[in-house]
């Protein structure tokens, strides 16, 4: 996992809510219809698929082709160009039979735009609710 987002519990308790995130950037975004068709290595997919005590998500950052166009920063803001989308594979079986370096195509719903509000939702919604969305 690349990042953990967590809120500290009461003194001496576990962090709750908490999520783990694997982040991938993609400059050749493709996907017809309602989902991005992203290709990722099986070993990375297997780190996300299935049930975990702490929910795990793929954050897919769609970026411009030119690295110099990724961000704009000044003393008032940091703006990241294009967008980030999330996907949950908690209800999906891992692909253990697939060699780790072989790529698998996963769908990342375009409606799952990552915003401050949706990040909070990922942290507070039950996993079963995320699987249905």
N, C-alpha and C. Protein backbone atom coordinates (compact mmCIF):
# COMPACT_ATOMS: atom_id res chain seq x y z
N UNK A 1 0.83 -1.17 0.00
CA UNK A 1 0.00 0.00 0.00
C UNK A 1 0.89 1.25 0.00
N UNK A 2 0.42 2.27 -0.70
CA UNK A 2 1.20 3.49 -0.81
C UNK A 2 0.89 4.48 0.31
N UNK A 3 -0.38 4.54 0.71
CA UNK A 3 -0.80 5.49 1.74
C UNK A 3 -1.83 4.86 2.65
N UNK A 4 -1.87 5.35 3.89
CA UNK A 4 -2.95 5.02 4.81
C UNK A 4 -3.57 6.34 5.25
N UNK A 5 -4.87 6.39 5.19
CA UNK A 5 -5.60 7.54 5.71
C UNK A 5 -6.29 7.03 6.96
N UNK A 6 -6.04 7.71 8.08
CA UNK A 6 -6.63 7.22 9.32
C UNK A 6 -6.92 8.36 10.29
N UNK A 7 -7.88 8.09 11.13
CA UNK A 7 -8.28 9.03 12.15
C UNK A 7 -7.99 8.38 13.49
N UNK A 8 -7.27 9.06 14.38
CA UNK A 8 -6.91 8.43 15.64
C UNK A 8 -8.14 8.17 16.51
N UNK A 9 -8.17 6.96 17.07
CA UNK A 9 -9.25 6.61 17.98
C UNK A 9 -9.01 7.23 19.35
N UNK A 10 -9.90 6.93 20.26
CA UNK A 10 -9.75 7.42 21.64
C UNK A 10 -8.43 6.88 22.20
N UNK A 11 -7.95 7.47 23.23
CA UNK A 11 -6.65 7.10 23.80
C UNK A 11 -6.52 5.58 23.95
N UNK A 12 -5.47 5.05 23.32
CA UNK A 12 -5.18 3.63 23.45
C UNK A 12 -5.98 2.72 22.55
N UNK A 13 -6.80 3.27 21.64
CA UNK A 13 -7.59 2.41 20.75
C UNK A 13 -7.04 2.48 19.33
N UNK A 14 -7.56 1.61 18.46
CA UNK A 14 -7.12 1.57 17.08
C UNK A 14 -7.57 2.82 16.33
N UNK A 15 -6.87 3.06 15.23
CA UNK A 15 -7.27 4.13 14.33
C UNK A 15 -8.56 3.72 13.64
N UNK A 16 -9.59 4.52 13.75
CA UNK A 16 -10.85 4.28 13.05
C UNK A 16 -11.51 5.61 12.80
N UNK A 17 -11.96 5.89 11.64
CA UNK A 17 -11.88 5.05 10.47
C UNK A 17 -10.48 5.06 9.86
N UNK A 18 -10.24 4.08 8.99
CA UNK A 18 -8.94 3.94 8.36
C UNK A 18 -9.11 3.23 7.02
N UNK A 19 -8.35 3.68 6.01
CA UNK A 19 -8.30 3.00 4.72
C UNK A 19 -6.85 2.95 4.25
N UNK A 20 -6.54 1.95 3.43
CA UNK A 20 -5.24 1.84 2.78
C UNK A 20 -5.44 2.07 1.29
N UNK A 21 -4.45 2.70 0.66
CA UNK A 21 -4.60 3.11 -0.73
C UNK A 21 -3.36 2.74 -1.54
N UNK A 22 -3.60 2.21 -2.73
CA UNK A 22 -2.54 2.00 -3.72
C UNK A 22 -2.79 3.04 -4.81
N UNK A 23 -1.79 3.85 -5.13
CA UNK A 23 -1.93 4.94 -6.10
C UNK A 23 -1.20 4.59 -7.38
N UNK A 24 -1.89 4.75 -8.49
CA UNK A 24 -1.29 4.56 -9.81
C UNK A 24 -1.58 5.81 -10.65
N UNK A 25 -0.60 6.25 -11.42
CA UNK A 25 -0.84 7.37 -12.34
C UNK A 25 -0.93 6.80 -13.75
N UNK A 26 -1.70 7.49 -14.60
CA UNK A 26 -1.98 6.97 -15.94
C UNK A 26 -2.12 8.13 -16.89
N UNK A 27 -1.26 8.19 -17.88
CA UNK A 27 -1.32 9.30 -18.83
C UNK A 27 -1.97 8.93 -20.15
N UNK A 28 -2.19 7.65 -20.39
CA UNK A 28 -2.85 7.22 -21.63
C UNK A 28 -4.23 6.68 -21.30
N UNK A 29 -5.04 7.48 -20.65
CA UNK A 29 -6.35 7.05 -20.18
C UNK A 29 -7.23 6.59 -21.33
N UNK A 30 -7.83 5.42 -21.15
CA UNK A 30 -8.74 4.86 -22.14
C UNK A 30 -9.87 4.15 -21.43
N UNK A 31 -11.01 4.23 -22.01
CA UNK A 31 -12.15 3.52 -21.44
C UNK A 31 -13.43 4.05 -22.04
N UNK A 32 -14.14 3.19 -22.70
CA UNK A 32 -15.41 3.58 -23.28
C UNK A 32 -16.50 3.49 -22.22
N UNK A 33 -17.49 4.31 -22.36
CA UNK A 33 -18.63 4.22 -21.46
C UNK A 33 -18.36 4.76 -20.07
N UNK A 34 -18.82 4.02 -19.08
CA UNK A 34 -18.84 4.51 -17.70
C UNK A 34 -17.60 4.16 -16.87
N UNK A 35 -16.61 3.49 -17.48
CA UNK A 35 -15.45 3.05 -16.69
C UNK A 35 -14.16 3.20 -17.47
N UNK A 36 -13.09 3.46 -16.71
CA UNK A 36 -11.75 3.43 -17.27
C UNK A 36 -11.32 1.97 -17.31
N UNK A 37 -10.68 1.54 -18.38
CA UNK A 37 -10.15 0.18 -18.49
C UNK A 37 -8.66 0.21 -18.22
N UNK A 38 -8.28 0.09 -16.96
CA UNK A 38 -6.89 0.23 -16.54
C UNK A 38 -6.22 -1.15 -16.45
N UNK A 39 -4.99 -1.23 -16.95
CA UNK A 39 -4.22 -2.47 -16.89
C UNK A 39 -3.20 -2.35 -15.75
N UNK A 40 -3.23 -3.31 -14.85
CA UNK A 40 -2.30 -3.31 -13.72
C UNK A 40 -1.73 -4.71 -13.53
N UNK A 41 -0.55 -4.78 -12.92
CA UNK A 41 0.08 -6.07 -12.66
C UNK A 41 -0.77 -6.88 -11.68
N UNK A 42 -0.80 -8.18 -11.90
CA UNK A 42 -1.61 -9.07 -11.06
C UNK A 42 -1.20 -8.97 -9.59
N UNK A 43 0.08 -8.84 -9.32
CA UNK A 43 0.51 -8.77 -7.91
C UNK A 43 -0.04 -7.53 -7.23
N UNK A 44 -0.17 -6.41 -7.96
CA UNK A 44 -0.76 -5.20 -7.39
C UNK A 44 -2.26 -5.37 -7.19
N UNK A 45 -2.91 -6.01 -8.17
CA UNK A 45 -4.35 -6.27 -8.04
C UNK A 45 -4.61 -7.16 -6.82
N UNK A 46 -3.79 -8.18 -6.64
CA UNK A 46 -3.98 -9.12 -5.53
C UNK A 46 -3.80 -8.46 -4.17
N UNK A 47 -3.09 -7.36 -4.12
CA UNK A 47 -2.96 -6.62 -2.86
C UNK A 47 -4.23 -5.85 -2.52
N UNK A 48 -5.12 -5.70 -3.51
CA UNK A 48 -6.36 -4.94 -3.32
C UNK A 48 -7.61 -5.81 -3.27
N UNK A 49 -7.58 -6.95 -3.96
CA UNK A 49 -8.78 -7.78 -4.11
C UNK A 49 -9.01 -8.65 -2.87
N UNK A 50 -10.29 -8.87 -2.57
CA UNK A 50 -10.66 -9.71 -1.44
C UNK A 50 -10.96 -8.89 -0.20
N UNK A 51 -11.17 -9.59 0.88
CA UNK A 51 -11.55 -8.95 2.14
C UNK A 51 -10.33 -8.69 3.02
N UNK A 52 -10.29 -7.51 3.60
CA UNK A 52 -9.22 -7.11 4.52
C UNK A 52 -9.85 -6.43 5.73
N UNK A 53 -9.17 -6.47 6.86
CA UNK A 53 -9.68 -5.78 8.05
C UNK A 53 -9.78 -4.28 7.81
N UNK A 54 -8.80 -3.75 7.10
CA UNK A 54 -8.79 -2.32 6.76
C UNK A 54 -9.12 -2.24 5.27
N UNK A 55 -10.18 -1.50 4.89
CA UNK A 55 -10.55 -1.41 3.47
C UNK A 55 -9.39 -0.88 2.63
N UNK A 56 -9.24 -1.47 1.41
CA UNK A 56 -8.18 -1.08 0.48
C UNK A 56 -8.80 -0.58 -0.82
N UNK A 57 -8.15 0.44 -1.39
CA UNK A 57 -8.66 1.06 -2.61
C UNK A 57 -7.54 1.32 -3.60
N UNK A 58 -7.90 1.31 -4.87
CA UNK A 58 -7.04 1.79 -5.93
C UNK A 58 -7.41 3.25 -6.17
N UNK A 59 -6.43 4.14 -6.15
CA UNK A 59 -6.62 5.53 -6.56
C UNK A 59 -5.89 5.67 -7.89
N UNK A 60 -6.64 5.91 -8.95
CA UNK A 60 -6.10 6.03 -10.30
C UNK A 60 -6.06 7.51 -10.66
N UNK A 61 -4.86 8.05 -10.77
CA UNK A 61 -4.67 9.46 -11.08
C UNK A 61 -4.43 9.58 -12.58
N UNK A 62 -5.38 10.17 -13.28
CA UNK A 62 -5.26 10.39 -14.72
C UNK A 62 -4.53 11.72 -14.90
N UNK A 63 -3.38 11.68 -15.56
CA UNK A 63 -2.51 12.85 -15.68
C UNK A 63 -2.31 13.22 -17.15
N UNK A 64 -1.90 14.47 -17.40
CA UNK A 64 -1.57 14.87 -18.78
C UNK A 64 -0.35 14.11 -19.29
N UNK A 65 -0.22 14.02 -20.60
CA UNK A 65 0.92 13.33 -21.19
C UNK A 65 2.25 14.02 -20.84
N UNK A 66 2.25 15.34 -20.80
CA UNK A 66 3.46 16.11 -20.50
C UNK A 66 3.61 16.25 -18.99
N UNK A 67 4.69 15.70 -18.45
CA UNK A 67 4.95 15.75 -17.01
C UNK A 67 4.92 17.18 -16.48
N UNK A 68 5.38 18.14 -17.27
CA UNK A 68 5.41 19.53 -16.82
C UNK A 68 4.02 20.12 -16.64
N UNK A 69 3.01 19.45 -17.16
CA UNK A 69 1.63 19.95 -17.05
C UNK A 69 0.85 19.27 -15.93
N UNK A 70 1.50 18.49 -15.07
CA UNK A 70 0.81 17.79 -13.98
C UNK A 70 0.21 18.73 -12.96
N UNK A 71 0.99 19.77 -12.59
CA UNK A 71 0.54 20.64 -11.50
C UNK A 71 0.81 22.11 -11.83
N UNK A 72 0.10 22.93 -11.09
CA UNK A 72 0.33 24.37 -11.10
C UNK A 72 0.37 24.79 -9.64
N UNK A 73 1.45 25.41 -9.23
CA UNK A 73 1.58 25.79 -7.82
C UNK A 73 1.97 27.26 -7.70
N UNK A 74 1.35 27.92 -6.75
CA UNK A 74 1.75 29.27 -6.38
C UNK A 74 1.50 29.43 -4.88
N UNK A 75 1.62 30.65 -4.36
CA UNK A 75 1.49 30.83 -2.91
C UNK A 75 0.05 30.73 -2.42
N UNK A 76 -0.92 30.56 -3.33
CA UNK A 76 -2.32 30.44 -2.93
C UNK A 76 -2.89 29.04 -3.10
N UNK A 77 -2.28 28.22 -3.96
CA UNK A 77 -2.87 26.90 -4.20
C UNK A 77 -1.88 25.93 -4.84
N UNK A 78 -2.25 24.68 -4.78
CA UNK A 78 -1.61 23.62 -5.54
C UNK A 78 -2.72 22.97 -6.34
N UNK A 79 -2.65 23.05 -7.64
CA UNK A 79 -3.68 22.49 -8.50
C UNK A 79 -3.08 21.32 -9.27
N UNK A 80 -3.75 20.17 -9.18
CA UNK A 80 -3.31 18.97 -9.88
C UNK A 80 -4.21 18.81 -11.10
N UNK A 81 -3.59 18.63 -12.27
CA UNK A 81 -4.39 18.56 -13.48
C UNK A 81 -4.82 17.14 -13.80
N UNK A 82 -5.97 17.11 -14.38
CA UNK A 82 -6.78 15.95 -14.71
C UNK A 82 -7.50 15.52 -13.44
N UNK A 83 -7.55 14.25 -13.12
CA UNK A 83 -8.41 13.85 -12.01
C UNK A 83 -7.93 12.53 -11.41
N UNK A 84 -8.50 12.21 -10.26
CA UNK A 84 -8.22 10.96 -9.57
C UNK A 84 -9.55 10.24 -9.36
N UNK A 85 -9.53 8.93 -9.61
CA UNK A 85 -10.72 8.10 -9.45
C UNK A 85 -10.38 6.95 -8.51
N UNK A 86 -11.39 6.40 -7.85
CA UNK A 86 -11.15 5.31 -6.93
C UNK A 86 -11.93 4.06 -7.33
N UNK A 87 -11.40 2.91 -6.91
CA UNK A 87 -12.09 1.64 -7.12
C UNK A 87 -11.84 0.74 -5.92
N UNK A 88 -12.85 -0.04 -5.59
CA UNK A 88 -12.75 -1.04 -4.53
C UNK A 88 -12.89 -2.41 -5.16
N UNK A 89 -12.02 -3.33 -4.78
CA UNK A 89 -12.09 -4.70 -5.27
C UNK A 89 -12.31 -5.67 -4.10
N UNK A 90 -12.93 -5.17 -3.05
CA UNK A 90 -13.12 -6.00 -1.85
C UNK A 90 -14.04 -7.20 -2.11
N UNK A 91 -14.95 -7.09 -3.05
CA UNK A 91 -15.85 -8.20 -3.36
C UNK A 91 -15.38 -9.06 -4.51
N UNK A 92 -14.13 -8.89 -4.92
CA UNK A 92 -13.58 -9.59 -6.08
C UNK A 92 -12.54 -10.60 -5.61
N UNK A 93 -12.56 -11.78 -6.20
CA UNK A 93 -11.56 -12.79 -5.88
C UNK A 93 -10.18 -12.37 -6.41
N UNK A 94 -9.14 -12.52 -5.62
CA UNK A 94 -7.78 -12.28 -6.12
C UNK A 94 -7.47 -13.23 -7.28
N UNK A 95 -6.56 -12.82 -8.13
CA UNK A 95 -6.17 -13.62 -9.29
C UNK A 95 -4.87 -14.36 -8.98
N UNK A 96 -4.92 -15.26 -7.99
CA UNK A 96 -3.72 -15.95 -7.54
C UNK A 96 -3.10 -16.80 -8.64
N UNK A 97 -3.92 -17.30 -9.57
CA UNK A 97 -3.41 -18.17 -10.63
C UNK A 97 -2.65 -17.41 -11.72
N UNK A 98 -2.78 -16.08 -11.72
CA UNK A 98 -2.13 -15.25 -12.73
C UNK A 98 -0.73 -14.86 -12.25
N UNK A 99 0.31 -15.06 -13.07
CA UNK A 99 1.66 -14.65 -12.67
C UNK A 99 1.69 -13.16 -12.28
N UNK A 100 2.44 -12.84 -11.24
CA UNK A 100 2.47 -11.50 -10.68
C UNK A 100 2.78 -10.38 -11.65
N UNK A 101 3.65 -10.64 -12.64
CA UNK A 101 4.02 -9.58 -13.59
C UNK A 101 3.06 -9.46 -14.76
N UNK A 102 2.14 -10.42 -14.89
CA UNK A 102 1.17 -10.35 -15.98
C UNK A 102 0.12 -9.28 -15.65
N UNK A 103 -0.28 -8.54 -16.68
CA UNK A 103 -1.26 -7.46 -16.47
C UNK A 103 -2.69 -7.97 -16.55
N UNK A 104 -3.51 -7.40 -15.71
CA UNK A 104 -4.94 -7.65 -15.70
C UNK A 104 -5.65 -6.34 -16.00
N UNK A 105 -6.78 -6.41 -16.67
CA UNK A 105 -7.56 -5.20 -16.92
C UNK A 105 -8.62 -5.09 -15.84
N UNK A 106 -8.65 -3.93 -15.18
CA UNK A 106 -9.66 -3.66 -14.16
C UNK A 106 -10.48 -2.46 -14.61
N UNK A 107 -11.70 -2.40 -14.12
CA UNK A 107 -12.55 -1.26 -14.43
C UNK A 107 -12.60 -0.32 -13.24
N UNK A 108 -12.40 0.96 -13.52
CA UNK A 108 -12.49 2.00 -12.51
C UNK A 108 -13.63 2.91 -12.93
N UNK A 109 -14.73 2.90 -12.20
CA UNK A 109 -15.89 3.70 -12.60
C UNK A 109 -15.57 5.19 -12.68
N UNK A 110 -15.97 5.80 -13.78
CA UNK A 110 -15.73 7.24 -13.96
C UNK A 110 -16.55 8.07 -12.98
N UNK A 111 -17.62 7.52 -12.45
CA UNK A 111 -18.43 8.24 -11.47
C UNK A 111 -17.72 8.34 -10.12
N UNK A 112 -16.66 7.53 -9.91
CA UNK A 112 -15.94 7.50 -8.64
C UNK A 112 -14.82 8.53 -8.62
N UNK A 113 -15.16 9.77 -8.87
CA UNK A 113 -14.19 10.86 -8.83
C UNK A 113 -13.78 11.10 -7.38
N UNK A 114 -12.49 11.18 -7.13
CA UNK A 114 -12.02 11.41 -5.77
C UNK A 114 -12.08 12.90 -5.46
N UNK A 115 -12.84 13.23 -4.46
CA UNK A 115 -12.97 14.60 -3.94
C UNK A 115 -12.80 14.52 -2.43
N UNK A 116 -12.74 15.65 -1.76
CA UNK A 116 -12.67 15.64 -0.30
C UNK A 116 -13.89 14.92 0.27
N UNK A 117 -15.04 15.17 -0.31
CA UNK A 117 -16.28 14.52 0.16
C UNK A 117 -16.26 13.01 -0.07
N UNK A 118 -15.82 12.59 -1.27
CA UNK A 118 -15.82 11.14 -1.54
C UNK A 118 -14.75 10.43 -0.70
N UNK A 119 -13.62 11.07 -0.42
CA UNK A 119 -12.61 10.47 0.45
C UNK A 119 -13.18 10.24 1.84
N UNK A 120 -13.90 11.21 2.37
CA UNK A 120 -14.54 11.05 3.67
C UNK A 120 -15.55 9.90 3.61
N UNK A 121 -16.29 9.81 2.50
CA UNK A 121 -17.24 8.72 2.33
C UNK A 121 -16.56 7.35 2.32
N UNK A 122 -15.41 7.24 1.67
CA UNK A 122 -14.68 5.98 1.65
C UNK A 122 -14.26 5.56 3.05
N UNK A 123 -13.95 6.53 3.86
CA UNK A 123 -13.49 6.23 5.22
C UNK A 123 -14.64 5.86 6.15
N UNK A 124 -15.84 6.31 5.86
CA UNK A 124 -16.92 6.13 6.82
C UNK A 124 -18.02 5.17 6.37
N UNK A 125 -18.07 4.82 5.08
CA UNK A 125 -19.12 3.91 4.60
C UNK A 125 -18.70 2.46 4.84
N UNK A 126 -19.67 1.60 5.16
CA UNK A 126 -19.35 0.17 5.29
C UNK A 126 -18.86 -0.41 3.97
N UNK A 127 -17.98 -1.40 4.03
CA UNK A 127 -17.42 -2.03 2.85
C UNK A 127 -18.50 -2.58 1.93
N UNK A 128 -19.54 -3.20 2.47
CA UNK A 128 -20.60 -3.79 1.65
C UNK A 128 -21.30 -2.71 0.81
N UNK A 129 -21.42 -1.53 1.36
CA UNK A 129 -22.03 -0.41 0.64
C UNK A 129 -21.14 0.02 -0.52
N UNK A 130 -19.83 -0.02 -0.35
CA UNK A 130 -18.89 0.36 -1.40
C UNK A 130 -18.92 -0.66 -2.54
N UNK A 131 -19.06 -1.93 -2.20
CA UNK A 131 -19.11 -2.97 -3.23
C UNK A 131 -20.30 -2.78 -4.14
N UNK A 132 -21.40 -2.29 -3.61
CA UNK A 132 -22.64 -2.10 -4.39
C UNK A 132 -22.57 -0.87 -5.27
N UNK A 133 -21.68 0.08 -4.95
CA UNK A 133 -21.63 1.32 -5.74
C UNK A 133 -20.76 1.21 -6.95
